[in-house]
Amino acid sequence: MKKLFGDVNLSWKKVIIYAVIVGIYTALMAIIPQVRFTSLNTITATLEVWIFFGILIIINSKSNMDSALKCFVFFLISQPLIYLLQVPFSWQGWNLFGYYKFWFIVTILCFPMGYIGYYIKKDKWWGYLILFPMILITAYSYYTYLTYFSFYYPKYILISIFCAVAMIIYPNMLFSNKAVKITGTVISSLLIIGITVIVILNPYKYSTEILSTVDNKDITNEYKVYLKDSKYGDVSIRYFDSIESYMVHADFKKNGKTELIIETPDGEIKEYNLTIEMNTYRISEKK
């Protein structure tokens, strides 16, 4: 591990080869449908793994300018390649490059960040201040994916662990100064503990309204509604002043497939197939 953080002979050839390999891998993770909603797919959307790559480049560079240029070129090659490889497999075609704007800005910022980031190698306390924004971004990713993990269990566990471990490893691997190591480890540990407690005490819920009618009849408070398996969440009948009618309200707490069951005032049972995702659902009447 120590060799990875500072003892790699990072030639330009290696930077370009790694950029191509990472670009191809990330494109595959975006293309393969089986890895959607998993830790493997997160590299296509958020920064924590790319921060790891950037730190490795910075810490194995020979100078500020070497670091800045290598970070810039690594992203300049890998990011467009990711979108280019997806074009034949996406319904959006070349319009997919519309999403490249964010990563293009990140690529431009890689030059000054690579230049400034090189000062981490000076092993001073202010070097940790340079690193700290990257710790915070990784901490935010940890919060995001730990939340996803609670909803998609056991998915997203690998990326959650990666973020937590990275937050601890960075101050320990990048600095020899004992005081900086201890301070950085304590700060990262507090962030991990705090975020974990928040997610446990305030688990994610996807709240939405599902139905307002059954067999073309308006739902009233006399209807009864429940899920076949309560582990997926809670449903109830609620009145909404904005539309002056009752609807089935749902607080989903887990993804998966279950059945929504509605009992009418006449005693008729209506069953619906329900597929739940983190911010969407699909429902159809059971035949």
C-alpha atoms as a PDB file:
ATOM      1  CA  MET A   1       0.000   0.000   0.000  1.00  0.00           C
ATOM      2  CA  LYS A   2       2.808   2.426   0.898  1.00  0.00           C
ATOM      3  CA  LYS A   3       4.440   1.815  -2.496  1.00  0.00           C
ATOM      4  CA  LEU A   4       1.221   2.834  -4.211  1.00  0.00           C
ATOM      5  CA  PHE A   5       1.292   6.164  -2.379  1.00  0.00           C
ATOM      6  CA  GLY A   6       4.575   7.617  -3.539  1.00  0.00           C
ATOM      7  CA  ASP A   7       6.867   4.896  -4.836  1.00  0.00           C
ATOM      8  CA  VAL A   8       5.382   4.318  -8.293  1.00  0.00           C
ATOM      9  CA  ASN A   9       7.465   5.350 -11.312  1.00  0.00           C
ATOM     10  CA  LEU A  10       4.608   7.147 -13.029  1.00  0.00           C
ATOM     11  CA  SER A  11       5.757   7.716 -16.586  1.00  0.00           C
ATOM     12  CA  TRP A  12       3.659   9.468 -19.193  1.00  0.00           C
ATOM     13  CA  LYS A  13       3.173   6.136 -20.945  1.00  0.00           C
ATOM     14  CA  LYS A  14       1.641   4.666 -17.790  1.00  0.00           C
ATOM     15  CA  VAL A  15      -0.641   7.680 -17.310  1.00  0.00           C
ATOM     16  CA  ILE A  16      -2.019   7.330 -20.839  1.00  0.00           C
ATOM     17  CA  ILE A  17      -2.422   3.536 -20.583  1.00  0.00           C
ATOM     18  CA  TYR A  18      -4.183   3.833 -17.215  1.00  0.00           C
ATOM     19  CA  ALA A  19      -6.452   6.576 -18.572  1.00  0.00           C
ATOM     20  CA  VAL A  20      -7.532   4.329 -21.463  1.00  0.00           C
ATOM     21  CA  ILE A  21      -8.056   1.293 -19.206  1.00  0.00           C
ATOM     22  CA  VAL A  22     -10.076   3.269 -16.663  1.00  0.00           C
ATOM     23  CA  GLY A  23     -12.101   4.896 -19.443  1.00  0.00           C
ATOM     24  CA  ILE A  24     -12.977   1.524 -20.975  1.00  0.00           C
ATOM     25  CA  TYR A  25     -13.843   0.034 -17.582  1.00  0.00           C
ATOM     26  CA  THR A  26     -16.083   2.960 -16.636  1.00  0.00           C
ATOM     27  CA  ALA A  27     -17.878   2.835 -19.985  1.00  0.00           C
ATOM     28  CA  LEU A  28     -18.557  -0.876 -19.473  1.00  0.00           C
ATOM     29  CA  MET A  29     -19.998  -0.160 -16.030  1.00  0.00           C
ATOM     30  CA  ALA A  30     -22.333   2.367 -17.642  1.00  0.00           C
ATOM     31  CA  ILE A  31     -23.340   0.021 -20.476  1.00  0.00           C
ATOM     32  CA  ILE A  32     -23.900  -3.286 -18.655  1.00  0.00           C
ATOM     33  CA  PRO A  33     -27.455  -3.227 -17.220  1.00  0.00           C
ATOM     34  CA  GLN A  34     -26.703  -5.901 -14.619  1.00  0.00           C
ATOM     35  CA  VAL A  35     -24.453  -3.525 -12.630  1.00  0.00           C
ATOM     36  CA  ARG A  36     -27.047  -0.760 -12.378  1.00  0.00           C
ATOM     37  CA  PHE A  37     -27.774   0.128  -8.742  1.00  0.00           C
ATOM     38  CA  THR A  38     -24.520  -1.479  -7.572  1.00  0.00           C
ATOM     39  CA  SER A  39     -21.163  -0.281  -6.262  1.00  0.00           C
ATOM     40  CA  LEU A  40     -19.558  -1.012  -9.644  1.00  0.00           C
ATOM     41  CA  ASN A  41     -21.743   1.561 -11.375  1.00  0.00           C
ATOM     42  CA  THR A  42     -20.972   4.463  -9.031  1.00  0.00           C
ATOM     43  CA  ILE A  43     -17.731   5.345 -10.823  1.00  0.00           C
ATOM     44  CA  THR A  44     -19.905   6.619 -13.689  1.00  0.00           C
ATOM     45  CA  ALA A  45     -21.639   9.242 -11.561  1.00  0.00           C
ATOM     46  CA  THR A  46     -19.681  10.504  -8.563  1.00  0.00           C
ATOM     47  CA  LEU A  47     -16.168  11.657  -7.705  1.00  0.00           C
ATOM     48  CA  GLU A  48     -14.836   9.482  -4.873  1.00  0.00           C
ATOM     49  CA  VAL A  49     -13.017   6.914  -7.043  1.00  0.00           C
ATOM     50  CA  TRP A  50     -11.722   9.646  -9.379  1.00  0.00           C
ATOM     51  CA  ILE A  51     -10.356  11.502  -6.364  1.00  0.00           C
ATOM     52  CA  PHE A  52      -8.469   8.312  -5.493  1.00  0.00           C
ATOM     53  CA  PHE A  53      -6.987   8.201  -9.005  1.00  0.00           C
ATOM     54  CA  GLY A  54      -6.089  11.884  -8.818  1.00  0.00           C
ATOM     55  CA  ILE A  55      -4.355  11.499  -5.457  1.00  0.00           C
ATOM     56  CA  LEU A  56      -2.300   8.575  -6.776  1.00  0.00           C
ATOM     57  CA  ILE A  57      -1.179  10.679  -9.743  1.00  0.00           C
ATOM     58  CA  ILE A  58      -0.319  13.672  -7.559  1.00  0.00           C
ATOM     59  CA  ILE A  59       1.625  11.727  -4.967  1.00  0.00           C
ATOM     60  CA  ASN A  60       3.649   9.836  -7.601  1.00  0.00           C
ATOM     61  CA  SER A  61       4.508  12.898  -9.716  1.00  0.00           C
ATOM     62  CA  LYS A  62       7.919  14.589  -9.800  1.00  0.00           C
ATOM     63  CA  SER A  63       6.893  18.254  -9.522  1.00  0.00           C
ATOM     64  CA  ASN A  64       3.934  20.615  -9.344  1.00  0.00           C
ATOM     65  CA  MET A  65       3.796  20.985 -13.114  1.00  0.00           C
ATOM     66  CA  ASP A  66       4.259  17.258 -13.667  1.00  0.00           C
ATOM     67  CA  SER A  67       1.357  16.610 -11.294  1.00  0.00           C
ATOM     68  CA  ALA A  68      -0.878  19.230 -12.894  1.00  0.00           C
ATOM     69  CA  LEU A  69      -0.255  18.032 -16.462  1.00  0.00           C
ATOM     70  CA  LYS A  70      -0.648  14.334 -15.655  1.00  0.00           C
ATOM     71  CA  CYS A  71      -3.908  14.876 -13.762  1.00  0.00           C
ATOM     72  CA  PHE A  72      -5.234  17.005 -16.622  1.00  0.00           C
ATOM     73  CA  VAL A  73      -4.239  14.528 -19.355  1.00  0.00           C
ATOM     74  CA  PHE A  74      -5.556  11.536 -17.380  1.00  0.00           C
ATOM     75  CA  PHE A  75      -9.022  13.099 -17.228  1.00  0.00           C
ATOM     76  CA  LEU A  76      -8.779  14.589 -20.730  1.00  0.00           C
ATOM     77  CA  ILE A  77      -8.359  11.064 -22.151  1.00  0.00           C
ATOM     78  CA  SER A  78     -10.539   8.973 -19.838  1.00  0.00           C
ATOM     79  CA  GLN A  79     -13.679  11.116 -19.646  1.00  0.00           C
ATOM     80  CA  PRO A  80     -14.415  11.653 -23.380  1.00  0.00           C
ATOM     81  CA  LEU A  81     -13.532   7.994 -23.979  1.00  0.00           C
ATOM     82  CA  ILE A  82     -16.221   6.946 -21.491  1.00  0.00           C
ATOM     83  CA  TYR A  83     -18.918   8.795 -23.431  1.00  0.00           C
ATOM     84  CA  LEU A  84     -17.558   7.838 -26.849  1.00  0.00           C
ATOM     85  CA  LEU A  85     -17.734   4.114 -26.051  1.00  0.00           C
ATOM     86  CA  GLN A  86     -21.304   4.454 -24.790  1.00  0.00           C
ATOM     87  CA  VAL A  87     -22.643   6.172 -27.923  1.00  0.00           C
ATOM     88  CA  PRO A  88     -23.431   2.975 -29.938  1.00  0.00           C
ATOM     89  CA  PHE A  89     -25.267   1.457 -26.953  1.00  0.00           C
ATOM     90  CA  SER A  90     -27.291   4.479 -25.828  1.00  0.00           C
ATOM     91  CA  TRP A  91     -30.674   5.594 -27.146  1.00  0.00           C
ATOM     92  CA  GLN A  92     -29.349   9.157 -26.835  1.00  0.00           C
ATOM     93  CA  GLY A  93     -26.523   8.535 -29.298  1.00  0.00           C
ATOM     94  CA  TRP A  94     -24.175  11.507 -29.656  1.00  0.00           C
ATOM     95  CA  ASN A  95     -26.467  13.576 -27.427  1.00  0.00           C
ATOM     96  CA  LEU A  96     -24.928  11.611 -24.579  1.00  0.00           C
ATOM     97  CA  PHE A  97     -22.029  14.066 -24.707  1.00  0.00           C
ATOM     98  CA  GLY A  98     -24.385  16.634 -23.198  1.00  0.00           C
ATOM     99  CA  TYR A  99     -23.548  15.048 -19.845  1.00  0.00           C
ATOM    100  CA  TYR A 100     -19.833  15.606 -20.457  1.00  0.00           C
ATOM    101  CA  LYS A 101     -20.093  19.274 -19.481  1.00  0.00           C
ATOM    102  CA  PHE A 102     -19.683  18.532 -15.767  1.00  0.00           C
ATOM    103  CA  TRP A 103     -16.706  16.248 -16.332  1.00  0.00           C
ATOM    104  CA  PHE A 104     -15.137  18.757 -18.733  1.00  0.00           C
ATOM    105  CA  ILE A 105     -15.228  21.348 -15.934  1.00  0.00           C
ATOM    106  CA  VAL A 106     -13.687  18.772 -13.591  1.00  0.00           C
ATOM    107  CA  THR A 107     -10.986  18.108 -16.209  1.00  0.00           C
ATOM    108  CA  ILE A 108     -10.126  21.813 -16.458  1.00  0.00           C
ATOM    109  CA  LEU A 109      -9.969  22.066 -12.667  1.00  0.00           C
ATOM    110  CA  CYS A 110      -7.598  19.089 -12.570  1.00  0.00           C
ATOM    111  CA  PHE A 111      -4.746  21.333 -13.705  1.00  0.00           C
ATOM    112  CA  PRO A 112      -4.797  23.779 -10.753  1.00  0.00           C
ATOM    113  CA  MET A 113      -5.818  21.019  -8.326  1.00  0.00           C
ATOM    114  CA  GLY A 114      -2.942  18.834  -9.489  1.00  0.00           C
ATOM    115  CA  TYR A 115      -0.540  21.741  -9.144  1.00  0.00           C
ATOM    116  CA  ILE A 116      -1.686  22.732  -5.665  1.00  0.00           C
ATOM    117  CA  GLY A 117      -2.207  19.136  -4.577  1.00  0.00           C
ATOM    118  CA  TYR A 118       1.473  18.396  -5.059  1.00  0.00           C
ATOM    119  CA  TYR A 119       2.179  20.438  -1.928  1.00  0.00           C
ATOM    120  CA  ILE A 120       0.690  17.553   0.090  1.00  0.00           C
ATOM    121  CA  LYS A 121       4.072  15.894  -0.416  1.00  0.00           C
ATOM    122  CA  LYS A 122       5.706  18.601   1.722  1.00  0.00           C
ATOM    123  CA  ASP A 123       4.359  16.730   4.773  1.00  0.00           C
ATOM    124  CA  LYS A 124       3.225  19.904   6.556  1.00  0.00           C
ATOM    125  CA  TRP A 125       0.027  20.565   8.490  1.00  0.00           C
ATOM    126  CA  TRP A 126      -1.232  22.885   5.755  1.00  0.00           C
ATOM    127  CA  GLY A 127      -0.903  19.957   3.357  1.00  0.00           C
ATOM    128  CA  TYR A 128      -3.837  18.396   5.169  1.00  0.00           C
ATOM    129  CA  LEU A 129      -5.865  21.558   4.503  1.00  0.00           C
ATOM    130  CA  ILE A 130      -5.255  20.950   0.790  1.00  0.00           C
ATOM    131  CA  LEU A 131      -6.414  17.357   1.188  1.00  0.00           C
ATOM    132  CA  PHE A 132      -9.415  18.166   3.393  1.00  0.00           C
ATOM    133  CA  PRO A 133     -11.855  19.163   0.590  1.00  0.00           C
ATOM    134  CA  MET A 134     -11.234  15.747  -0.988  1.00  0.00           C
ATOM    135  CA  ILE A 135     -11.992  14.138   2.388  1.00  0.00           C
ATOM    136  CA  LEU A 136     -15.263  16.074   2.558  1.00  0.00           C
ATOM    137  CA  ILE A 137     -16.292  15.055  -0.971  1.00  0.00           C
ATOM    138  CA  THR A 138     -15.533  11.423  -0.125  1.00  0.00           C
ATOM    139  CA  ALA A 139     -17.495  11.814   3.129  1.00  0.00           C
ATOM    140  CA  TYR A 140     -20.485  13.098   1.155  1.00  0.00           C
ATOM    141  CA  SER A 141     -20.216  10.072  -1.148  1.00  0.00           C
ATOM    142  CA  TYR A 142     -20.075   7.860   1.949  1.00  0.00           C
ATOM    143  CA  TYR A 143     -23.307   9.433   3.187  1.00  0.00           C
ATOM    144  CA  THR A 144     -24.937   9.043  -0.240  1.00  0.00           C
ATOM    145  CA  TYR A 145     -24.019   5.400  -0.740  1.00  0.00           C
ATOM    146  CA  LEU A 146     -24.606   4.336   2.847  1.00  0.00           C
ATOM    147  CA  THR A 147     -28.107   5.747   2.367  1.00  0.00           C
ATOM    148  CA  TYR A 148     -28.434   3.791  -0.879  1.00  0.00           C
ATOM    149  CA  PHE A 149     -27.142   0.706   0.917  1.00  0.00           C
ATOM    150  CA  SER A 150     -29.908   0.984   3.514  1.00  0.00           C
ATOM    151  CA  PHE A 151     -32.494   1.116   0.708  1.00  0.00           C
ATOM    152  CA  TYR A 152     -30.927  -1.407  -1.684  1.00  0.00           C
ATOM    153  CA  TYR A 153     -29.354  -3.776   0.867  1.00  0.00           C
ATOM    154  CA  PRO A 154     -26.925  -5.488   0.274  1.00  0.00           C
ATOM    155  CA  LYS A 155     -26.070  -3.383  -2.793  1.00  0.00           C
ATOM    156  CA  TYR A 156     -23.717  -0.385  -2.422  1.00  0.00           C
ATOM    157  CA  ILE A 157     -21.854  -1.950   0.488  1.00  0.00           C
ATOM    158  CA  LEU A 158     -18.538  -2.075  -1.422  1.00  0.00           C
ATOM    159  CA  ILE A 159     -18.530   1.605  -2.364  1.00  0.00           C
ATOM    160  CA  SER A 160     -19.586   2.554   1.173  1.00  0.00           C
ATOM    161  CA  ILE A 161     -16.629   0.614   2.571  1.00  0.00           C
ATOM    162  CA  PHE A 162     -14.322   2.131  -0.058  1.00  0.00           C
ATOM    163  CA  CYS A 163     -15.274   5.673   0.966  1.00  0.00           C
ATOM    164  CA  ALA A 164     -14.831   4.979   4.687  1.00  0.00           C
ATOM    165  CA  VAL A 165     -11.482   3.243   4.183  1.00  0.00           C
ATOM    166  CA  ALA A 166     -10.230   5.976   1.827  1.00  0.00           C
ATOM    167  CA  MET A 167     -11.002   8.659   4.400  1.00  0.00           C
ATOM    168  CA  ILE A 168      -8.826   6.833   6.938  1.00  0.00           C
ATOM    169  CA  ILE A 169      -6.064   5.838   4.516  1.00  0.00           C
ATOM    170  CA  TYR A 170      -5.423   9.261   2.962  1.00  0.00           C
ATOM    171  CA  PRO A 171      -4.000  11.023   6.051  1.00  0.00           C
ATOM    172  CA  ASN A 172      -2.089   7.894   7.077  1.00  0.00           C
ATOM    173  CA  MET A 173      -0.531   7.169   3.686  1.00  0.00           C
ATOM    174  CA  LEU A 174       0.076  10.726   2.490  1.00  0.00           C
ATOM    175  CA  PHE A 175       1.747  12.112   5.610  1.00  0.00           C
ATOM    176  CA  SER A 176       4.686  11.037   7.765  1.00  0.00           C
ATOM    177  CA  ASN A 177       4.096  13.816  10.288  1.00  0.00           C
ATOM    178  CA  LYS A 178       2.622  12.044  13.318  1.00  0.00           C
ATOM    179  CA  ALA A 179       0.490  14.979  14.435  1.00  0.00           C
ATOM    180  CA  VAL A 180      -1.051  15.354  10.974  1.00  0.00           C
ATOM    181  CA  LYS A 181      -1.701  11.605  10.775  1.00  0.00           C
ATOM    182  CA  ILE A 182      -3.463  11.530  14.132  1.00  0.00           C
ATOM    183  CA  THR A 183      -5.465  14.693  13.461  1.00  0.00           C
ATOM    184  CA  GLY A 184      -6.521  13.487  10.022  1.00  0.00           C
ATOM    185  CA  THR A 185      -7.478  10.051  11.315  1.00  0.00           C
ATOM    186  CA  VAL A 186      -9.547  11.533  14.150  1.00  0.00           C
ATOM    187  CA  ILE A 187     -11.377  13.902  11.792  1.00  0.00           C
ATOM    188  CA  SER A 188     -12.108  11.115   9.288  1.00  0.00           C
ATOM    189  CA  SER A 189     -13.234   8.775  12.072  1.00  0.00           C
ATOM    190  CA  LEU A 190     -15.617  11.387  13.472  1.00  0.00           C
ATOM    191  CA  LEU A 191     -17.057  11.991   9.997  1.00  0.00           C
ATOM    192  CA  ILE A 192     -17.585   8.259   9.466  1.00  0.00           C
ATOM    193  CA  ILE A 193     -19.189   7.749  12.866  1.00  0.00           C
ATOM    194  CA  GLY A 194     -21.371  10.841  12.553  1.00  0.00           C
ATOM    195  CA  ILE A 195     -22.607   9.964   9.069  1.00  0.00           C
ATOM    196  CA  THR A 196     -23.267   6.350  10.045  1.00  0.00           C
ATOM    197  CA  VAL A 197     -25.340   7.430  13.056  1.00  0.00           C
ATOM    198  CA  ILE A 198     -27.322   9.910  10.947  1.00  0.00           C
ATOM    199  CA  VAL A 199     -28.160   7.261   8.346  1.00  0.00           C
ATOM    200  CA  ILE A 200     -29.137   4.702  11.002  1.00  0.00           C
ATOM    201  CA  LEU A 201     -31.329   7.135  12.934  1.00  0.00           C
ATOM    202  CA  ASN A 202     -32.844   8.729   9.819  1.00  0.00           C
ATOM    203  CA  PRO A 203     -33.179   5.959   7.213  1.00  0.00           C
ATOM    204  CA  TYR A 204     -34.075   7.012   3.710  1.00  0.00           C
ATOM    205  CA  LYS A 205     -37.742   6.976   2.735  1.00  0.00           C
ATOM    206  CA  TYR A 206     -39.166   7.448  -0.738  1.00  0.00           C
ATOM    207  CA  SER A 207     -42.474   9.219  -0.164  1.00  0.00           C
ATOM    208  CA  THR A 208     -44.959   9.452  -3.004  1.00  0.00           C
ATOM    209  CA  GLU A 209     -48.635   9.203  -3.959  1.00  0.00           C
ATOM    210  CA  ILE A 210     -49.672   6.168  -5.949  1.00  0.00           C
ATOM    211  CA  LEU A 211     -53.386   6.071  -6.785  1.00  0.00           C
ATOM    212  CA  SER A 212     -56.412   8.343  -6.541  1.00  0.00           C
ATOM    213  CA  THR A 213     -58.985   6.040  -8.152  1.00  0.00           C
ATOM    214  CA  VAL A 214     -59.921   2.362  -8.170  1.00  0.00           C
ATOM    215  CA  ASP A 215     -61.996   1.146 -11.122  1.00  0.00           C
ATOM    216  CA  ASN A 216     -62.531   4.797 -12.073  1.00  0.00           C
ATOM    217  CA  LYS A 217     -64.017   5.564  -8.647  1.00  0.00           C
ATOM    218  CA  ASP A 218     -62.420   8.152  -6.386  1.00  0.00           C
ATOM    219  CA  ILE A 219     -60.714   6.738  -3.331  1.00  0.00           C
ATOM    220  CA  THR A 220     -62.212   7.835   0.017  1.00  0.00           C
ATOM    221  CA  ASN A 221     -61.175   7.442   3.643  1.00  0.00           C
ATOM    222  CA  GLU A 222     -63.408   4.362   3.786  1.00  0.00           C
ATOM    223  CA  TYR A 223     -60.925   2.418   1.656  1.00  0.00           C
ATOM    224  CA  LYS A 224     -58.317   0.221   3.340  1.00  0.00           C
ATOM    225  CA  VAL A 225     -54.834  -0.140   1.905  1.00  0.00           C
ATOM    226  CA  TYR A 226     -51.717  -2.121   2.797  1.00  0.00           C
ATOM    227  CA  LEU A 227     -48.664  -3.801   1.297  1.00  0.00           C
ATOM    228  CA  LYS A 228     -48.426  -7.568   1.101  1.00  0.00           C
ATOM    229  CA  ASP A 229     -44.974  -7.347   2.691  1.00  0.00           C
ATOM    230  CA  SER A 230     -44.611  -4.490   5.183  1.00  0.00           C
ATOM    231  CA  LYS A 231     -40.788  -4.547   5.014  1.00  0.00           C
ATOM    232  CA  TYR A 232     -41.048  -2.437   1.857  1.00  0.00           C
ATOM    233  CA  GLY A 233     -42.693   0.447   3.703  1.00  0.00           C
ATOM    234  CA  ASP A 234     -46.039   1.855   4.745  1.00  0.00           C
ATOM    235  CA  VAL A 235     -49.123   2.977   2.812  1.00  0.00           C
ATOM    236  CA  SER A 236     -52.161   4.931   3.915  1.00  0.00           C
ATOM    237  CA  ILE A 237     -55.120   6.911   2.635  1.00  0.00           C
ATOM    238  CA  ARG A 238     -54.578  10.677   2.886  1.00  0.00           C
ATOM    239  CA  TYR A 239     -56.547  13.729   1.918  1.00  0.00           C
ATOM    240  CA  PHE A 240     -54.766  16.420  -0.108  1.00  0.00           C
ATOM    241  CA  ASP A 241     -56.195  19.919  -0.018  1.00  0.00           C
ATOM    242  CA  SER A 242     -54.337  20.921  -3.188  1.00  0.00           C
ATOM    243  CA  ILE A 243     -56.389  18.514  -5.297  1.00  0.00           C
ATOM    244  CA  GLU A 244     -59.340  18.165  -2.900  1.00  0.00           C
ATOM    245  CA  SER A 245     -59.291  14.382  -2.977  1.00  0.00           C
ATOM    246  CA  TYR A 246     -57.943  11.299  -1.239  1.00  0.00           C
ATOM    247  CA  MET A 247     -54.938   9.356  -2.524  1.00  0.00           C
ATOM    248  CA  VAL A 248     -52.873   6.352  -1.559  1.00  0.00           C
ATOM    249  CA  HIS A 249     -49.737   7.728   0.096  1.00  0.00           C
ATOM    250  CA  ALA A 250     -46.614   5.549   0.343  1.00  0.00           C
ATOM    251  CA  ASP A 251     -43.424   5.765   2.383  1.00  0.00           C
ATOM    252  CA  PHE A 252     -41.123   3.202   0.770  1.00  0.00           C
ATOM    253  CA  LYS A 253     -38.028   2.129   2.710  1.00  0.00           C
ATOM    254  CA  LYS A 254     -36.687  -0.725   0.566  1.00  0.00           C
ATOM    255  CA  ASN A 255     -36.495  -1.560  -3.116  1.00  0.00           C
ATOM    256  CA  GLY A 256     -38.038  -4.667  -4.580  1.00  0.00           C
ATOM    257  CA  LYS A 257     -41.327  -6.169  -5.720  1.00  0.00           C
ATOM    258  CA  THR A 258     -44.437  -6.578  -3.650  1.00  0.00           C
ATOM    259  CA  GLU A 259     -48.208  -6.157  -3.961  1.00  0.00           C
ATOM    260  CA  LEU A 260     -50.402  -3.217  -3.073  1.00  0.00           C
ATOM    261  CA  ILE A 261     -53.753  -4.418  -1.751  1.00  0.00           C
ATOM    262  CA  ILE A 262     -56.813  -2.148  -1.600  1.00  0.00           C
ATOM    263  CA  GLU A 263     -60.076  -3.068   0.049  1.00  0.00           C
ATOM    264  CA  THR A 264     -63.091  -1.047  -1.147  1.00  0.00           C
ATOM    265  CA  PRO A 265     -66.009  -0.050   1.112  1.00  0.00           C
ATOM    266  CA  ASP A 266     -68.007  -2.833  -0.596  1.00  0.00           C
ATOM    267  CA  GLY A 267     -65.489  -5.439   0.581  1.00  0.00           C
ATOM    268  CA  GLU A 268     -63.945  -5.971  -2.860  1.00  0.00           C
ATOM    269  CA  ILE A 269     -60.211  -6.712  -2.867  1.00  0.00           C
ATOM    270  CA  LYS A 270     -58.074  -5.110  -5.566  1.00  0.00           C
ATOM    271  CA  GLU A 271     -54.458  -6.236  -5.973  1.00  0.00           C
ATOM    272  CA  TYR A 272     -51.671  -4.387  -7.788  1.00  0.00           C
ATOM    273  CA  ASN A 273     -48.150  -5.499  -8.702  1.00  0.00           C
ATOM    274  CA  LEU A 274     -45.720  -2.920  -7.338  1.00  0.00           C
ATOM    275  CA  THR A 275     -42.037  -2.493  -8.228  1.00  0.00           C
ATOM    276  CA  ILE A 276     -40.146  -0.052  -6.017  1.00  0.00           C
ATOM    277  CA  GLU A 277     -36.922   1.814  -6.797  1.00  0.00           C
ATOM    278  CA  MET A 278     -35.227   4.628  -4.910  1.00  0.00           C
ATOM    279  CA  ASN A 279     -37.079   7.490  -6.556  1.00  0.00           C
ATOM    280  CA  THR A 280     -39.625   5.832  -8.804  1.00  0.00           C
ATOM    281  CA  TYR A 281     -42.083   2.958  -8.914  1.00  0.00           C
ATOM    282  CA  ARG A 282     -44.136   0.911 -11.361  1.00  0.00           C
ATOM    283  CA  ILE A 283     -47.651  -0.275 -10.620  1.00  0.00           C
ATOM    284  CA  SER A 284     -50.091  -2.401 -12.556  1.00  0.00           C
ATOM    285  CA  GLU A 285     -53.358  -4.069 -11.643  1.00  0.00           C
ATOM    286  CA  LYS A 286     -52.995  -7.759 -11.004  1.00  0.00           C
ATOM    287  CA  LYS A 287     -55.025  -9.806 -13.442  1.00  0.00           C
END
